[in-house]
Amino acid sequence: MQQSNDTTIFVLGTLLLLAFLAWGTWHTARVLREFTPPFNILLLPAENLLRLALIGACLWLGMQSGQSFAQLGWQSVNLARDLLAGFFVGIGCALIVPPLTHRAIARFGKSVYSPLVVLNILPRNAREWVLVPLALVPAVFLEELLFRSLLLGGFGALAPPLVLALVWSLFFGAMHLPQGALGIAVAAALGVILAFLFLATQSLLAPFLAHYLINILQLAWATREKTWLEQYNAHSSHPL
């Protein structure tokens, strides 16, 4: 009976966290459409404290799940392999996304993509180039804990892992609705890659590192293309 109650708490709690993050993403995008903040939204103290609290909630839910650390990806049996896998997958994906973005825009038009979120987390000075990569650590860790550790690893006892990988990758893509149809498609595809990386290594380390590198290199690309992105943003319609 106790195990059944713990499983129920784990499932409902994880789904509530997913719903909360989805709502937060949607709400932030709505605000950014009407207001351009004079600060980097990734560096807001309240937002970072909330992320840390949500990470704590994810860890608690993982403990409540009754799953082993191995099932949740909370251990690494081959540290070098996991680091190398995460590094090469992250670099490979980061190199593919920018040219894919340009080709998709050329093919489908500006309505397919919105750089609104990227522009508002882009470092604006040398100090922020130190702080933003640090703030990305809990941001990426939270997403990996939720989507790969809990929803994929933790739910692995409830449904086939391959089915979960595809379903939750679609949700992962939908969380990127503020970036337009292209953002959804790219994030969903990256979600599949990160999910299979998690399943292949049985460790959260590899997808976390890959995800982090993708985001960092996306910021580097956006910095290089900042003028183009600002002009693009000014003359394009945003989703939502």
C-alpha atoms as a PDB file:
ATOM      1  CA  MET A   1       0.000   0.000   0.000  1.00  0.00           C
ATOM      2  CA  GLN A   2       2.813   2.422   0.912  1.00  0.00           C
ATOM      3  CA  GLN A   3       4.590   1.703  -2.379  1.00  0.00           C
ATOM      4  CA  SER A   4       1.367   2.412  -4.273  1.00  0.00           C
ATOM      5  CA  ASN A   5       0.950   5.738  -2.473  1.00  0.00           C
ATOM      6  CA  ASP A   6       4.563   6.696  -3.182  1.00  0.00           C
ATOM      7  CA  THR A   7       4.124   5.879  -6.868  1.00  0.00           C
ATOM      8  CA  THR A   8       0.968   7.986  -7.030  1.00  0.00           C
ATOM      9  CA  ILE A   9       2.731  10.928  -5.369  1.00  0.00           C
ATOM     10  CA  PHE A  10       5.647  10.551  -7.785  1.00  0.00           C
ATOM     11  CA  VAL A  11       3.481  10.421 -10.913  1.00  0.00           C
ATOM     12  CA  LEU A  12       1.133  13.260  -9.948  1.00  0.00           C
ATOM     13  CA  GLY A  13       3.935  15.419  -8.569  1.00  0.00           C
ATOM     14  CA  THR A  14       6.043  15.006 -11.700  1.00  0.00           C
ATOM     15  CA  LEU A  15       3.122  15.830 -13.982  1.00  0.00           C
ATOM     16  CA  LEU A  16       2.302  18.902 -11.888  1.00  0.00           C
ATOM     17  CA  LEU A  17       5.902  20.069 -12.207  1.00  0.00           C
ATOM     18  CA  LEU A  18       5.696  19.606 -15.965  1.00  0.00           C
ATOM     19  CA  ALA A  19       2.475  21.633 -16.105  1.00  0.00           C
ATOM     20  CA  PHE A  20       3.982  24.381 -13.950  1.00  0.00           C
ATOM     21  CA  LEU A  21       7.089  24.705 -16.137  1.00  0.00           C
ATOM     22  CA  ALA A  22       4.936  24.737 -19.277  1.00  0.00           C
ATOM     23  CA  TRP A  23       2.781  27.519 -17.835  1.00  0.00           C
ATOM     24  CA  GLY A  24       5.860  29.483 -16.736  1.00  0.00           C
ATOM     25  CA  THR A  25       7.398  29.243 -20.205  1.00  0.00           C
ATOM     26  CA  TRP A  26       4.181  30.376 -21.880  1.00  0.00           C
ATOM     27  CA  HIS A  27       3.668  33.245 -19.412  1.00  0.00           C
ATOM     28  CA  THR A  28       7.247  34.497 -19.805  1.00  0.00           C
ATOM     29  CA  ALA A  29       6.879  34.524 -23.575  1.00  0.00           C
ATOM     30  CA  ARG A  30       3.632  36.522 -23.317  1.00  0.00           C
ATOM     31  CA  VAL A  31       5.341  39.117 -21.134  1.00  0.00           C
ATOM     32  CA  LEU A  32       8.328  39.398 -23.484  1.00  0.00           C
ATOM     33  CA  ARG A  33       6.024  40.166 -26.395  1.00  0.00           C
ATOM     34  CA  GLU A  34       4.826  43.316 -24.649  1.00  0.00           C
ATOM     35  CA  PHE A  35       7.848  44.317 -22.587  1.00  0.00           C
ATOM     36  CA  THR A  36      11.574  44.336 -23.322  1.00  0.00           C
ATOM     37  CA  PRO A  37      13.350  44.078 -19.962  1.00  0.00           C
ATOM     38  CA  PRO A  38      16.510  46.169 -19.462  1.00  0.00           C
ATOM     39  CA  PHE A  39      18.135  43.176 -17.761  1.00  0.00           C
ATOM     40  CA  ASN A  40      18.981  39.573 -18.555  1.00  0.00           C
ATOM     41  CA  ILE A  41      15.949  37.466 -17.605  1.00  0.00           C
ATOM     42  CA  LEU A  42      18.141  34.425 -16.923  1.00  0.00           C
ATOM     43  CA  LEU A  43      19.879  36.298 -14.087  1.00  0.00           C
ATOM     44  CA  LEU A  44      16.822  37.270 -12.049  1.00  0.00           C
ATOM     45  CA  PRO A  45      17.491  36.177  -8.415  1.00  0.00           C
ATOM     46  CA  ALA A  46      13.885  35.084  -7.849  1.00  0.00           C
ATOM     47  CA  GLU A  47      13.918  32.937 -11.000  1.00  0.00           C
ATOM     48  CA  ASN A  48      17.145  31.223  -9.976  1.00  0.00           C
ATOM     49  CA  LEU A  49      15.881  30.567  -6.451  1.00  0.00           C
ATOM     50  CA  LEU A  50      12.738  29.067  -7.964  1.00  0.00           C
ATOM     51  CA  ARG A  51      14.831  26.801 -10.206  1.00  0.00           C
ATOM     52  CA  LEU A  52      16.801  25.580  -7.209  1.00  0.00           C
ATOM     53  CA  ALA A  53      13.536  24.883  -5.359  1.00  0.00           C
ATOM     54  CA  LEU A  54      12.183  22.954  -8.354  1.00  0.00           C
ATOM     55  CA  ILE A  55      15.422  20.961  -8.570  1.00  0.00           C
ATOM     56  CA  GLY A  56      14.911  20.067  -4.911  1.00  0.00           C
ATOM     57  CA  ALA A  57      11.333  19.008  -5.717  1.00  0.00           C
ATOM     58  CA  CYS A  58      12.584  16.817  -8.584  1.00  0.00           C
ATOM     59  CA  LEU A  59      15.136  15.142  -6.333  1.00  0.00           C
ATOM     60  CA  TRP A  60      12.484  14.533  -3.676  1.00  0.00           C
ATOM     61  CA  LEU A  61      10.096  13.067  -6.246  1.00  0.00           C
ATOM     62  CA  GLY A  62      12.856  10.826  -7.535  1.00  0.00           C
ATOM     63  CA  MET A  63      13.378   9.497  -4.022  1.00  0.00           C
ATOM     64  CA  GLN A  64       9.625   8.988  -3.675  1.00  0.00           C
ATOM     65  CA  SER A  65       9.469   7.009  -6.921  1.00  0.00           C
ATOM     66  CA  GLY A  66      11.070   3.957  -5.370  1.00  0.00           C
ATOM     67  CA  GLN A  67      13.298   3.630  -8.442  1.00  0.00           C
ATOM     68  CA  SER A  68      17.000   2.879  -8.120  1.00  0.00           C
ATOM     69  CA  PHE A  69      19.625   5.545  -8.748  1.00  0.00           C
ATOM     70  CA  ALA A  70      20.612   3.577 -11.863  1.00  0.00           C
ATOM     71  CA  GLN A  71      17.048   3.771 -13.234  1.00  0.00           C
ATOM     72  CA  LEU A  72      16.932   7.513 -12.581  1.00  0.00           C
ATOM     73  CA  GLY A  73      20.383   8.066 -14.096  1.00  0.00           C
ATOM     74  CA  TRP A  74      21.789   9.391 -10.832  1.00  0.00           C
ATOM     75  CA  GLN A  75      25.026   7.463 -11.146  1.00  0.00           C
ATOM     76  CA  SER A  76      27.705   6.928 -13.754  1.00  0.00           C
ATOM     77  CA  VAL A  77      29.348   3.541 -14.194  1.00  0.00           C
ATOM     78  CA  ASN A  78      31.710   4.914 -16.835  1.00  0.00           C
ATOM     79  CA  LEU A  79      32.496   8.573 -16.231  1.00  0.00           C
ATOM     80  CA  ALA A  80      34.870   8.988 -19.195  1.00  0.00           C
ATOM     81  CA  ARG A  81      32.365   7.422 -21.607  1.00  0.00           C
ATOM     82  CA  ASP A  82      29.519   9.622 -20.378  1.00  0.00           C
ATOM     83  CA  LEU A  83      31.600  12.792 -20.608  1.00  0.00           C
ATOM     84  CA  LEU A  84      32.817  11.975 -24.119  1.00  0.00           C
ATOM     85  CA  ALA A  85      29.343  10.996 -25.298  1.00  0.00           C
ATOM     86  CA  GLY A  86      27.826  14.196 -23.930  1.00  0.00           C
ATOM     87  CA  PHE A  87      30.628  16.315 -25.385  1.00  0.00           C
ATOM     88  CA  PHE A  88      30.483  14.944 -28.927  1.00  0.00           C
ATOM     89  CA  VAL A  89      26.683  14.806 -29.106  1.00  0.00           C
ATOM     90  CA  GLY A  90      26.424  18.362 -27.769  1.00  0.00           C
ATOM     91  CA  ILE A  91      29.014  19.762 -30.170  1.00  0.00           C
ATOM     92  CA  GLY A  92      27.533  17.866 -33.108  1.00  0.00           C
ATOM     93  CA  CYS A  93      23.999  19.099 -32.467  1.00  0.00           C
ATOM     94  CA  ALA A  94      25.160  22.672 -31.846  1.00  0.00           C
ATOM     95  CA  LEU A  95      26.936  22.738 -35.209  1.00  0.00           C
ATOM     96  CA  ILE A  96      23.866  21.491 -37.080  1.00  0.00           C
ATOM     97  CA  VAL A  97      21.218  23.817 -35.624  1.00  0.00           C
ATOM     98  CA  PRO A  98      22.398  27.266 -36.939  1.00  0.00           C
ATOM     99  CA  PRO A  99      22.595  26.310 -40.644  1.00  0.00           C
ATOM    100  CA  LEU A 100      19.349  24.378 -40.265  1.00  0.00           C
ATOM    101  CA  THR A 101      17.723  27.505 -38.824  1.00  0.00           C
ATOM    102  CA  HIS A 102      18.838  29.671 -41.762  1.00  0.00           C
ATOM    103  CA  ARG A 103      17.655  27.099 -44.311  1.00  0.00           C
ATOM    104  CA  ALA A 104      14.279  26.697 -42.646  1.00  0.00           C
ATOM    105  CA  ILE A 105      13.744  30.473 -42.546  1.00  0.00           C
ATOM    106  CA  ALA A 106      14.717  30.765 -46.213  1.00  0.00           C
ATOM    107  CA  ARG A 107      12.306  27.952 -47.091  1.00  0.00           C
ATOM    108  CA  PHE A 108       9.290  28.731 -44.887  1.00  0.00           C
ATOM    109  CA  GLY A 109       9.630  32.445 -44.055  1.00  0.00           C
ATOM    110  CA  LYS A 110      10.177  34.451 -40.897  1.00  0.00           C
ATOM    111  CA  SER A 111       7.019  33.244 -39.175  1.00  0.00           C
ATOM    112  CA  VAL A 112       8.647  29.848 -38.607  1.00  0.00           C
ATOM    113  CA  TYR A 113      11.057  31.109 -35.924  1.00  0.00           C
ATOM    114  CA  SER A 114      11.197  33.697 -33.135  1.00  0.00           C
ATOM    115  CA  PRO A 115      14.523  34.724 -31.501  1.00  0.00           C
ATOM    116  CA  LEU A 116      12.707  36.651 -28.751  1.00  0.00           C
ATOM    117  CA  VAL A 117      13.753  34.388 -25.860  1.00  0.00           C
ATOM    118  CA  VAL A 118      17.347  33.993 -27.068  1.00  0.00           C
ATOM    119  CA  LEU A 119      17.804  37.752 -27.353  1.00  0.00           C
ATOM    120  CA  ASN A 120      16.622  38.243 -23.771  1.00  0.00           C
ATOM    121  CA  ILE A 121      19.081  35.756 -22.256  1.00  0.00           C
ATOM    122  CA  LEU A 122      22.022  36.789 -24.402  1.00  0.00           C
ATOM    123  CA  PRO A 123      24.988  38.074 -22.331  1.00  0.00           C
ATOM    124  CA  ARG A 124      25.369  41.839 -22.782  1.00  0.00           C
ATOM    125  CA  ASN A 125      28.842  42.329 -21.282  1.00  0.00           C
ATOM    126  CA  ALA A 126      31.881  40.467 -19.949  1.00  0.00           C
ATOM    127  CA  ARG A 127      30.328  40.093 -16.494  1.00  0.00           C
ATOM    128  CA  GLU A 128      27.241  38.422 -17.922  1.00  0.00           C
ATOM    129  CA  TRP A 129      29.419  36.044 -19.956  1.00  0.00           C
ATOM    130  CA  VAL A 130      30.490  34.701 -16.562  1.00  0.00           C
ATOM    131  CA  LEU A 131      27.082  34.774 -14.871  1.00  0.00           C
ATOM    132  CA  VAL A 132      24.902  33.452 -17.716  1.00  0.00           C
ATOM    133  CA  PRO A 133      26.870  30.183 -18.170  1.00  0.00           C
ATOM    134  CA  LEU A 134      26.630  29.704 -14.397  1.00  0.00           C
ATOM    135  CA  ALA A 135      22.863  30.369 -14.424  1.00  0.00           C
ATOM    136  CA  LEU A 136      22.457  27.878 -17.261  1.00  0.00           C
ATOM    137  CA  VAL A 137      23.710  25.052 -15.035  1.00  0.00           C
ATOM    138  CA  PRO A 138      20.586  24.861 -12.821  1.00  0.00           C
ATOM    139  CA  ALA A 139      18.325  25.728 -15.774  1.00  0.00           C
ATOM    140  CA  VAL A 140      19.617  22.816 -17.852  1.00  0.00           C
ATOM    141  CA  PHE A 141      19.865  20.508 -14.847  1.00  0.00           C
ATOM    142  CA  LEU A 142      16.213  21.138 -14.005  1.00  0.00           C
ATOM    143  CA  GLU A 143      15.073  20.236 -17.527  1.00  0.00           C
ATOM    144  CA  GLU A 144      17.219  17.108 -17.600  1.00  0.00           C
ATOM    145  CA  LEU A 145      16.037  16.015 -14.155  1.00  0.00           C
ATOM    146  CA  LEU A 146      12.427  16.403 -15.197  1.00  0.00           C
ATOM    147  CA  PHE A 147      12.431  15.150 -18.787  1.00  0.00           C
ATOM    148  CA  ARG A 148      15.159  12.521 -18.757  1.00  0.00           C
ATOM    149  CA  SER A 149      15.470  11.378 -15.109  1.00  0.00           C
ATOM    150  CA  LEU A 150      11.859  11.488 -13.888  1.00  0.00           C
ATOM    151  CA  LEU A 151       9.643  11.363 -16.970  1.00  0.00           C
ATOM    152  CA  LEU A 152      11.852   8.879 -18.850  1.00  0.00           C
ATOM    153  CA  GLY A 153      13.790   6.987 -16.181  1.00  0.00           C
ATOM    154  CA  GLY A 154      11.243   7.178 -13.373  1.00  0.00           C
ATOM    155  CA  PHE A 155       8.259   6.442 -15.606  1.00  0.00           C
ATOM    156  CA  GLY A 156      10.193   3.540 -17.140  1.00  0.00           C
ATOM    157  CA  ALA A 157       8.370   1.113 -14.870  1.00  0.00           C
ATOM    158  CA  LEU A 158       5.014   2.323 -16.194  1.00  0.00           C
ATOM    159  CA  ALA A 159       5.551   2.292 -19.974  1.00  0.00           C
ATOM    160  CA  PRO A 160       8.118   1.149 -22.574  1.00  0.00           C
ATOM    161  CA  PRO A 161      11.181   3.463 -22.583  1.00  0.00           C
ATOM    162  CA  LEU A 162      11.080   4.003 -26.358  1.00  0.00           C
ATOM    163  CA  VAL A 163       7.466   5.146 -26.198  1.00  0.00           C
ATOM    164  CA  LEU A 164       8.277   7.465 -23.301  1.00  0.00           C
ATOM    165  CA  ALA A 165      11.282   8.862 -25.173  1.00  0.00           C
ATOM    166  CA  LEU A 166       9.099   9.873 -28.117  1.00  0.00           C
ATOM    167  CA  VAL A 167       6.146  11.165 -26.083  1.00  0.00           C
ATOM    168  CA  TRP A 168       8.164  13.294 -23.692  1.00  0.00           C
ATOM    169  CA  SER A 169      10.365  14.601 -26.512  1.00  0.00           C
ATOM    170  CA  LEU A 170       7.214  15.974 -28.131  1.00  0.00           C
ATOM    171  CA  PHE A 171       6.353  17.682 -24.843  1.00  0.00           C
ATOM    172  CA  PHE A 172       9.927  18.965 -24.635  1.00  0.00           C
ATOM    173  CA  GLY A 173       9.490  20.451 -28.098  1.00  0.00           C
ATOM    174  CA  ALA A 174       6.139  22.001 -27.164  1.00  0.00           C
ATOM    175  CA  MET A 175       7.838  23.760 -24.240  1.00  0.00           C
ATOM    176  CA  HIS A 176       9.723  25.763 -26.873  1.00  0.00           C
ATOM    177  CA  LEU A 177       6.542  27.170 -28.435  1.00  0.00           C
ATOM    178  CA  PRO A 178       7.772  30.784 -27.879  1.00  0.00           C
ATOM    179  CA  GLN A 179      10.517  30.067 -30.460  1.00  0.00           C
ATOM    180  CA  GLY A 180       7.996  29.245 -33.169  1.00  0.00           C
ATOM    181  CA  ALA A 181       7.341  26.094 -35.179  1.00  0.00           C
ATOM    182  CA  LEU A 182      11.033  25.672 -35.954  1.00  0.00           C
ATOM    183  CA  GLY A 183      11.935  25.951 -32.273  1.00  0.00           C
ATOM    184  CA  ILE A 184       9.361  23.257 -31.442  1.00  0.00           C
ATOM    185  CA  ALA A 185      10.613  20.909 -34.165  1.00  0.00           C
ATOM    186  CA  VAL A 186      14.298  21.371 -33.337  1.00  0.00           C
ATOM    187  CA  ALA A 187      13.732  21.004 -29.576  1.00  0.00           C
ATOM    188  CA  ALA A 188      11.642  17.855 -30.114  1.00  0.00           C
ATOM    189  CA  ALA A 189      14.379  16.342 -32.285  1.00  0.00           C
ATOM    190  CA  LEU A 190      17.021  17.275 -29.706  1.00  0.00           C
ATOM    191  CA  GLY A 191      14.754  15.807 -27.039  1.00  0.00           C
ATOM    192  CA  VAL A 192      14.785  12.469 -28.865  1.00  0.00           C
ATOM    193  CA  ILE A 193      18.586  12.581 -29.131  1.00  0.00           C
ATOM    194  CA  LEU A 194      18.989  13.435 -25.440  1.00  0.00           C
ATOM    195  CA  ALA A 195      16.501  10.727 -24.460  1.00  0.00           C
ATOM    196  CA  PHE A 196      18.362   8.041 -26.400  1.00  0.00           C
ATOM    197  CA  LEU A 197      21.640   9.326 -24.974  1.00  0.00           C
ATOM    198  CA  PHE A 198      20.169   8.880 -21.502  1.00  0.00           C
ATOM    199  CA  LEU A 199      18.923   5.379 -22.299  1.00  0.00           C
ATOM    200  CA  ALA A 200      22.222   4.372 -23.901  1.00  0.00           C
ATOM    201  CA  THR A 201      24.398   5.544 -21.007  1.00  0.00           C
ATOM    202  CA  GLN A 202      21.891   5.092 -18.162  1.00  0.00           C
ATOM    203  CA  SER A 203      23.327   8.299 -16.771  1.00  0.00           C
ATOM    204  CA  LEU A 204      22.014  11.850 -16.533  1.00  0.00           C
ATOM    205  CA  LEU A 205      25.534  13.202 -16.981  1.00  0.00           C
ATOM    206  CA  ALA A 206      25.758  12.630 -20.738  1.00  0.00           C
ATOM    207  CA  PRO A 207      22.471  14.360 -21.740  1.00  0.00           C
ATOM    208  CA  PHE A 208      23.106  17.148 -19.222  1.00  0.00           C
ATOM    209  CA  LEU A 209      26.509  17.922 -20.725  1.00  0.00           C
ATOM    210  CA  ALA A 210      25.184  17.687 -24.288  1.00  0.00           C
ATOM    211  CA  HIS A 211      22.215  19.939 -23.462  1.00  0.00           C
ATOM    212  CA  TYR A 212      24.453  22.480 -21.715  1.00  0.00           C
ATOM    213  CA  LEU A 213      26.897  22.649 -24.623  1.00  0.00           C
ATOM    214  CA  ILE A 214      24.048  23.085 -27.110  1.00  0.00           C
ATOM    215  CA  ASN A 215      22.728  26.060 -25.123  1.00  0.00           C
ATOM    216  CA  ILE A 216      26.141  27.663 -24.603  1.00  0.00           C
ATOM    217  CA  LEU A 217      27.061  27.363 -28.276  1.00  0.00           C
ATOM    218  CA  GLN A 218      23.628  28.679 -29.244  1.00  0.00           C
ATOM    219  CA  LEU A 219      24.424  31.811 -27.231  1.00  0.00           C
ATOM    220  CA  ALA A 220      27.801  32.086 -28.960  1.00  0.00           C
ATOM    221  CA  TRP A 221      26.081  31.816 -32.341  1.00  0.00           C
ATOM    222  CA  ALA A 222      23.432  34.354 -31.307  1.00  0.00           C
ATOM    223  CA  THR A 223      26.142  36.782 -30.186  1.00  0.00           C
ATOM    224  CA  ARG A 224      27.797  36.524 -33.581  1.00  0.00           C
ATOM    225  CA  GLU A 225      24.436  36.974 -35.341  1.00  0.00           C
ATOM    226  CA  LYS A 226      23.038  39.532 -32.870  1.00  0.00           C
ATOM    227  CA  THR A 227      22.465  42.328 -35.384  1.00  0.00           C
ATOM    228  CA  TRP A 228      20.720  39.977 -37.800  1.00  0.00           C
ATOM    229  CA  LEU A 229      18.585  38.489 -34.980  1.00  0.00           C
ATOM    230  CA  GLU A 230      17.533  41.943 -33.747  1.00  0.00           C
ATOM    231  CA  GLN A 231      16.520  43.036 -37.258  1.00  0.00           C
ATOM    232  CA  TYR A 232      14.783  39.706 -37.805  1.00  0.00           C
ATOM    233  CA  ASN A 233      12.924  40.037 -34.474  1.00  0.00           C
ATOM    234  CA  ALA A 234      11.793  43.584 -35.313  1.00  0.00           C
ATOM    235  CA  HIS A 235      10.212  42.506 -38.601  1.00  0.00           C
ATOM    236  CA  SER A 236       8.701  39.158 -37.701  1.00  0.00           C
ATOM    237  CA  SER A 237       5.489  38.128 -35.995  1.00  0.00           C
ATOM    238  CA  HIS A 238       5.736  36.092 -32.817  1.00  0.00           C
ATOM    239  CA  PRO A 239       3.730  33.021 -31.881  1.00  0.00           C
ATOM    240  CA  LEU A 240       1.313  33.189 -28.913  1.00  0.00           C
END
